[in-house]
């Protein structure tokens, strides 16, 4: 029942999530799906408290007022001015398939997941945040390596033309 990578959670965080109970895995996957579809302007406006209070409060409220996971997602997406899943074609399709599988689980399991979402909203939001942070760090490191490569190439071109003193000089 591993939905982690299919819903866009960073592989390093998936390793942690798959060690948790199935209900927590499903709850975190649903929060991820709603989070990535959230309105970007709302996320920027609420940036300071998005992870600490804004998102967890809305997860908890949505879980408290929903009878099914489908209702939970509709409720949470409404509170986040968003929709389910991402926008890119390949990832979005995988996310929609995962969502359809999740919301079709047994009513008893749905109730247990809703209980987790209500009681452990902060945990689910924290796992989603850790994934977002891991992707952000991965992008930062990639961008830094590209910048270093470009700098090295520029220094070599300038040194070849005698326009830039080499480091050895």
C-alpha atoms as a PDB file:
ATOM      1  CA  UNK A   1       0.000   0.000   0.000  1.00  0.00           C
ATOM      2  CA  UNK A   2       2.889   2.359  -0.789  1.00  0.00           C
ATOM      3  CA  UNK A   3       1.508   5.555  -2.308  1.00  0.00           C
ATOM      4  CA  UNK A   4       4.513   7.722  -1.443  1.00  0.00           C
ATOM      5  CA  UNK A   5       6.280   8.171  -4.747  1.00  0.00           C
ATOM      6  CA  UNK A   6       3.041   8.033  -6.739  1.00  0.00           C
ATOM      7  CA  UNK A   7       1.722  11.091  -4.903  1.00  0.00           C
ATOM      8  CA  UNK A   8       4.989  13.004  -5.207  1.00  0.00           C
ATOM      9  CA  UNK A   9       6.668  12.483  -1.836  1.00  0.00           C
ATOM     10  CA  UNK A  10      10.474  12.619  -1.921  1.00  0.00           C
ATOM     11  CA  UNK A  11      12.093   9.141  -1.898  1.00  0.00           C
ATOM     12  CA  UNK A  12      14.126   9.897   1.247  1.00  0.00           C
ATOM     13  CA  UNK A  13      10.925  10.681   3.153  1.00  0.00           C
ATOM     14  CA  UNK A  14       9.145   7.668   1.636  1.00  0.00           C
ATOM     15  CA  UNK A  15      11.646   5.484   3.463  1.00  0.00           C
ATOM     16  CA  UNK A  16      10.333   6.887   6.742  1.00  0.00           C
ATOM     17  CA  UNK A  17       6.667   6.824   5.789  1.00  0.00           C
ATOM     18  CA  UNK A  18       6.608   3.181   4.653  1.00  0.00           C
ATOM     19  CA  UNK A  19       7.762   2.173   8.132  1.00  0.00           C
ATOM     20  CA  UNK A  20       4.600   3.713   9.631  1.00  0.00           C
ATOM     21  CA  UNK A  21       1.133   2.192   9.938  1.00  0.00           C
ATOM     22  CA  UNK A  22      -0.920   1.934   6.753  1.00  0.00           C
ATOM     23  CA  UNK A  23      -3.399   4.500   8.061  1.00  0.00           C
ATOM     24  CA  UNK A  24      -0.642   7.090   8.558  1.00  0.00           C
ATOM     25  CA  UNK A  25       0.753   6.340   5.092  1.00  0.00           C
ATOM     26  CA  UNK A  26      -2.657   6.898   3.514  1.00  0.00           C
ATOM     27  CA  UNK A  27      -3.318  10.023   5.570  1.00  0.00           C
ATOM     28  CA  UNK A  28       0.024  11.522   4.567  1.00  0.00           C
ATOM     29  CA  UNK A  29      -0.591  10.682   0.896  1.00  0.00           C
ATOM     30  CA  UNK A  30      -3.943  12.506   1.011  1.00  0.00           C
ATOM     31  CA  UNK A  31      -2.403  15.556   2.670  1.00  0.00           C
ATOM     32  CA  UNK A  32       0.319  15.569   0.002  1.00  0.00           C
ATOM     33  CA  UNK A  33      -2.274  15.433  -2.784  1.00  0.00           C
ATOM     34  CA  UNK A  34      -4.212  18.340  -1.316  1.00  0.00           C
ATOM     35  CA  UNK A  35      -1.069  20.334  -0.471  1.00  0.00           C
ATOM     36  CA  UNK A  36       0.424  20.212  -3.970  1.00  0.00           C
ATOM     37  CA  UNK A  37      -2.894  21.281  -5.464  1.00  0.00           C
ATOM     38  CA  UNK A  38      -3.274  24.202  -3.040  1.00  0.00           C
ATOM     39  CA  UNK A  39      -3.509  27.746  -4.322  1.00  0.00           C
ATOM     40  CA  UNK A  40       0.021  29.172  -4.633  1.00  0.00           C
ATOM     41  CA  UNK A  41      -1.059  32.684  -3.663  1.00  0.00           C
ATOM     42  CA  UNK A  42      -2.658  31.358  -0.482  1.00  0.00           C
ATOM     43  CA  UNK A  43       0.528  29.429   0.317  1.00  0.00           C
ATOM     44  CA  UNK A  44       2.621  32.581  -0.155  1.00  0.00           C
ATOM     45  CA  UNK A  45       0.213  34.703   1.902  1.00  0.00           C
ATOM     46  CA  UNK A  46       0.276  32.168   4.738  1.00  0.00           C
ATOM     47  CA  UNK A  47       3.964  31.260   4.351  1.00  0.00           C
ATOM     48  CA  UNK A  48       5.010  31.992   7.924  1.00  0.00           C
ATOM     49  CA  UNK A  49       2.358  29.825   9.542  1.00  0.00           C
ATOM     50  CA  UNK A  50       1.531  27.453   6.663  1.00  0.00           C
ATOM     51  CA  UNK A  51       3.268  24.411   8.159  1.00  0.00           C
ATOM     52  CA  UNK A  52       2.903  25.163  11.867  1.00  0.00           C
ATOM     53  CA  UNK A  53      -0.771  26.050  12.106  1.00  0.00           C
ATOM     54  CA  UNK A  54      -2.559  26.892   8.862  1.00  0.00           C
ATOM     55  CA  UNK A  55      -2.307  23.500   7.120  1.00  0.00           C
ATOM     56  CA  UNK A  56      -2.598  21.302  10.259  1.00  0.00           C
ATOM     57  CA  UNK A  57      -5.704  23.189  11.441  1.00  0.00           C
ATOM     58  CA  UNK A  58      -7.390  22.731   8.087  1.00  0.00           C
ATOM     59  CA  UNK A  59      -6.467  19.047   7.989  1.00  0.00           C
ATOM     60  CA  UNK A  60      -7.997  18.519  11.414  1.00  0.00           C
ATOM     61  CA  UNK A  61     -11.159  20.512  10.646  1.00  0.00           C
ATOM     62  CA  UNK A  62     -11.655  18.733   7.347  1.00  0.00           C
ATOM     63  CA  UNK A  63     -11.260  15.332   9.014  1.00  0.00           C
ATOM     64  CA  UNK A  64     -13.703  16.265  11.769  1.00  0.00           C
ATOM     65  CA  UNK A  65     -16.398  17.312   9.305  1.00  0.00           C
ATOM     66  CA  UNK A  66     -16.031  14.464   6.785  1.00  0.00           C
ATOM     67  CA  UNK A  67     -17.559  10.993   6.699  1.00  0.00           C
ATOM     68  CA  UNK A  68     -15.389   9.649   3.849  1.00  0.00           C
ATOM     69  CA  UNK A  69     -11.935  10.279   2.453  1.00  0.00           C
ATOM     70  CA  UNK A  70     -13.462  11.707  -0.715  1.00  0.00           C
ATOM     71  CA  UNK A  71     -15.342  14.259   1.399  1.00  0.00           C
ATOM     72  CA  UNK A  72     -12.159  14.979   3.353  1.00  0.00           C
ATOM     73  CA  UNK A  73     -10.224  15.750   0.177  1.00  0.00           C
ATOM     74  CA  UNK A  74     -13.003  17.950  -1.194  1.00  0.00           C
ATOM     75  CA  UNK A  75     -13.223  19.766   2.134  1.00  0.00           C
ATOM     76  CA  UNK A  76      -9.464  20.257   2.529  1.00  0.00           C
ATOM     77  CA  UNK A  77      -8.980  21.330  -1.090  1.00  0.00           C
ATOM     78  CA  UNK A  78     -11.795  23.828  -0.629  1.00  0.00           C
ATOM     79  CA  UNK A  79     -10.111  25.211   2.481  1.00  0.00           C
ATOM     80  CA  UNK A  80      -6.828  25.496   0.530  1.00  0.00           C
ATOM     81  CA  UNK A  81      -8.478  27.043  -2.550  1.00  0.00           C
ATOM     82  CA  UNK A  82      -7.052  24.201  -4.608  1.00  0.00           C
ATOM     83  CA  UNK A  83      -7.647  20.813  -6.124  1.00  0.00           C
ATOM     84  CA  UNK A  84      -6.393  17.244  -5.859  1.00  0.00           C
ATOM     85  CA  UNK A  85      -2.893  16.587  -7.138  1.00  0.00           C
ATOM     86  CA  UNK A  86      -0.370  18.361  -9.269  1.00  0.00           C
ATOM     87  CA  UNK A  87      -0.681  19.829 -12.705  1.00  0.00           C
ATOM     88  CA  UNK A  88       1.969  18.062 -14.758  1.00  0.00           C
ATOM     89  CA  UNK A  89       0.577  15.379 -17.041  1.00  0.00           C
ATOM     90  CA  UNK A  90       2.569  12.314 -16.015  1.00  0.00           C
ATOM     91  CA  UNK A  91       2.703  13.032 -12.278  1.00  0.00           C
ATOM     92  CA  UNK A  92      -0.854  14.318 -12.238  1.00  0.00           C
ATOM     93  CA  UNK A  93      -2.152  11.111 -13.800  1.00  0.00           C
ATOM     94  CA  UNK A  94      -0.304   8.933 -11.261  1.00  0.00           C
ATOM     95  CA  UNK A  95      -1.662  11.108  -8.476  1.00  0.00           C
ATOM     96  CA  UNK A  96      -5.246  10.833  -9.738  1.00  0.00           C
ATOM     97  CA  UNK A  97      -4.929   7.042  -9.933  1.00  0.00           C
ATOM     98  CA  UNK A  98      -3.506   6.856  -6.396  1.00  0.00           C
ATOM     99  CA  UNK A  99      -6.287   9.134  -5.133  1.00  0.00           C
ATOM    100  CA  UNK A 100      -8.963   6.951  -6.762  1.00  0.00           C
ATOM    101  CA  UNK A 101      -7.475   3.851  -5.106  1.00  0.00           C
ATOM    102  CA  UNK A 102      -7.290   5.537  -1.712  1.00  0.00           C
ATOM    103  CA  UNK A 103     -10.846   6.869  -1.655  1.00  0.00           C
ATOM    104  CA  UNK A 104     -12.172   3.430  -2.610  1.00  0.00           C
ATOM    105  CA  UNK A 105     -10.770   1.607   0.441  1.00  0.00           C
ATOM    106  CA  UNK A 106     -13.202   0.024   2.867  1.00  0.00           C
ATOM    107  CA  UNK A 107     -15.410   2.294   5.010  1.00  0.00           C
ATOM    108  CA  UNK A 108     -13.807   0.915   8.186  1.00  0.00           C
ATOM    109  CA  UNK A 109     -10.315   1.781   6.934  1.00  0.00           C
ATOM    110  CA  UNK A 110     -11.532   5.209   5.807  1.00  0.00           C
ATOM    111  CA  UNK A 111     -12.800   5.870   9.330  1.00  0.00           C
ATOM    112  CA  UNK A 112      -9.421   4.894  10.799  1.00  0.00           C
ATOM    113  CA  UNK A 113      -7.607   7.193   8.332  1.00  0.00           C
ATOM    114  CA  UNK A 114      -9.976  10.072   9.184  1.00  0.00           C
ATOM    115  CA  UNK A 115      -9.234   9.474  12.883  1.00  0.00           C
ATOM    116  CA  UNK A 116      -5.492   9.696  12.136  1.00  0.00           C
ATOM    117  CA  UNK A 117      -6.005  12.880  10.101  1.00  0.00           C
ATOM    118  CA  UNK A 118      -7.885  14.435  12.992  1.00  0.00           C
ATOM    119  CA  UNK A 119      -5.540  13.311  15.760  1.00  0.00           C
ATOM    120  CA  UNK A 120      -2.223  13.450  13.890  1.00  0.00           C
ATOM    121  CA  UNK A 121      -2.682  16.409  11.531  1.00  0.00           C
ATOM    122  CA  UNK A 122       0.631  17.927  12.614  1.00  0.00           C
ATOM    123  CA  UNK A 123       2.486  14.665  11.919  1.00  0.00           C
ATOM    124  CA  UNK A 124       1.014  14.392   8.415  1.00  0.00           C
ATOM    125  CA  UNK A 125       1.798  18.054   7.660  1.00  0.00           C
ATOM    126  CA  UNK A 126       5.332  17.607   8.996  1.00  0.00           C
ATOM    127  CA  UNK A 127       5.987  14.608   6.755  1.00  0.00           C
ATOM    128  CA  UNK A 128       4.705  16.530   3.729  1.00  0.00           C
ATOM    129  CA  UNK A 129       6.883  19.490   4.714  1.00  0.00           C
ATOM    130  CA  UNK A 130       9.926  17.243   5.044  1.00  0.00           C
ATOM    131  CA  UNK A 131       9.292  16.002   1.521  1.00  0.00           C
ATOM    132  CA  UNK A 132       8.946  19.555   0.172  1.00  0.00           C
ATOM    133  CA  UNK A 133      12.153  20.567   1.968  1.00  0.00           C
ATOM    134  CA  UNK A 134      14.021  17.546   0.564  1.00  0.00           C
ATOM    135  CA  UNK A 135      12.956  18.446  -2.981  1.00  0.00           C
ATOM    136  CA  UNK A 136      13.906  22.089  -2.407  1.00  0.00           C
ATOM    137  CA  UNK A 137      17.356  21.098  -1.123  1.00  0.00           C
ATOM    138  CA  UNK A 138      17.862  18.726  -4.049  1.00  0.00           C
ATOM    139  CA  UNK A 139      17.013  21.548  -6.467  1.00  0.00           C
ATOM    140  CA  UNK A 140      19.321  23.972  -4.643  1.00  0.00           C
ATOM    141  CA  UNK A 141      22.250  21.555  -4.824  1.00  0.00           C
ATOM    142  CA  UNK A 142      21.583  20.907  -8.503  1.00  0.00           C
ATOM    143  CA  UNK A 143      21.432  24.634  -9.242  1.00  0.00           C
ATOM    144  CA  UNK A 144      24.679  25.227  -7.335  1.00  0.00           C
ATOM    145  CA  UNK A 145      26.473  22.537  -9.330  1.00  0.00           C
ATOM    146  CA  UNK A 146      25.242  24.097 -12.583  1.00  0.00           C
ATOM    147  CA  UNK A 147      26.449  27.533 -11.416  1.00  0.00           C
ATOM    148  CA  UNK A 148      29.879  26.119 -10.517  1.00  0.00           C
ATOM    149  CA  UNK A 149      30.113  24.388 -13.898  1.00  0.00           C
ATOM    150  CA  UNK A 150      29.215  27.613 -15.722  1.00  0.00           C
ATOM    151  CA  UNK A 151      31.732  29.596 -13.680  1.00  0.00           C
ATOM    152  CA  UNK A 152      34.469  27.061 -14.445  1.00  0.00           C
ATOM    153  CA  UNK A 153      33.676  27.223 -18.173  1.00  0.00           C
ATOM    154  CA  UNK A 154      33.614  31.033 -18.169  1.00  0.00           C
ATOM    155  CA  UNK A 155      36.944  31.215 -16.318  1.00  0.00           C
ATOM    156  CA  UNK A 156      38.484  28.790 -18.816  1.00  0.00           C
ATOM    157  CA  UNK A 157      37.234  30.822 -21.799  1.00  0.00           C
ATOM    158  CA  UNK A 158      38.500  34.091 -20.339  1.00  0.00           C
ATOM    159  CA  UNK A 159      41.841  32.532 -19.370  1.00  0.00           C
ATOM    160  CA  UNK A 160      42.269  31.129 -22.913  1.00  0.00           C
ATOM    161  CA  UNK A 161      41.769  34.622 -24.293  1.00  0.00           C
ATOM    162  CA  UNK A 162      44.070  36.174 -21.714  1.00  0.00           C
ATOM    163  CA  UNK A 163      41.205  38.236 -20.305  1.00  0.00           C
ATOM    164  CA  UNK A 164      40.994  36.629 -16.913  1.00  0.00           C
ATOM    165  CA  UNK A 165      43.956  35.773 -14.700  1.00  0.00           C
ATOM    166  CA  UNK A 166      44.097  32.123 -13.847  1.00  0.00           C
ATOM    167  CA  UNK A 167      43.964  31.035 -10.257  1.00  0.00           C
ATOM    168  CA  UNK A 168      47.453  29.556 -10.564  1.00  0.00           C
ATOM    169  CA  UNK A 169      49.000  32.977 -11.254  1.00  0.00           C
END
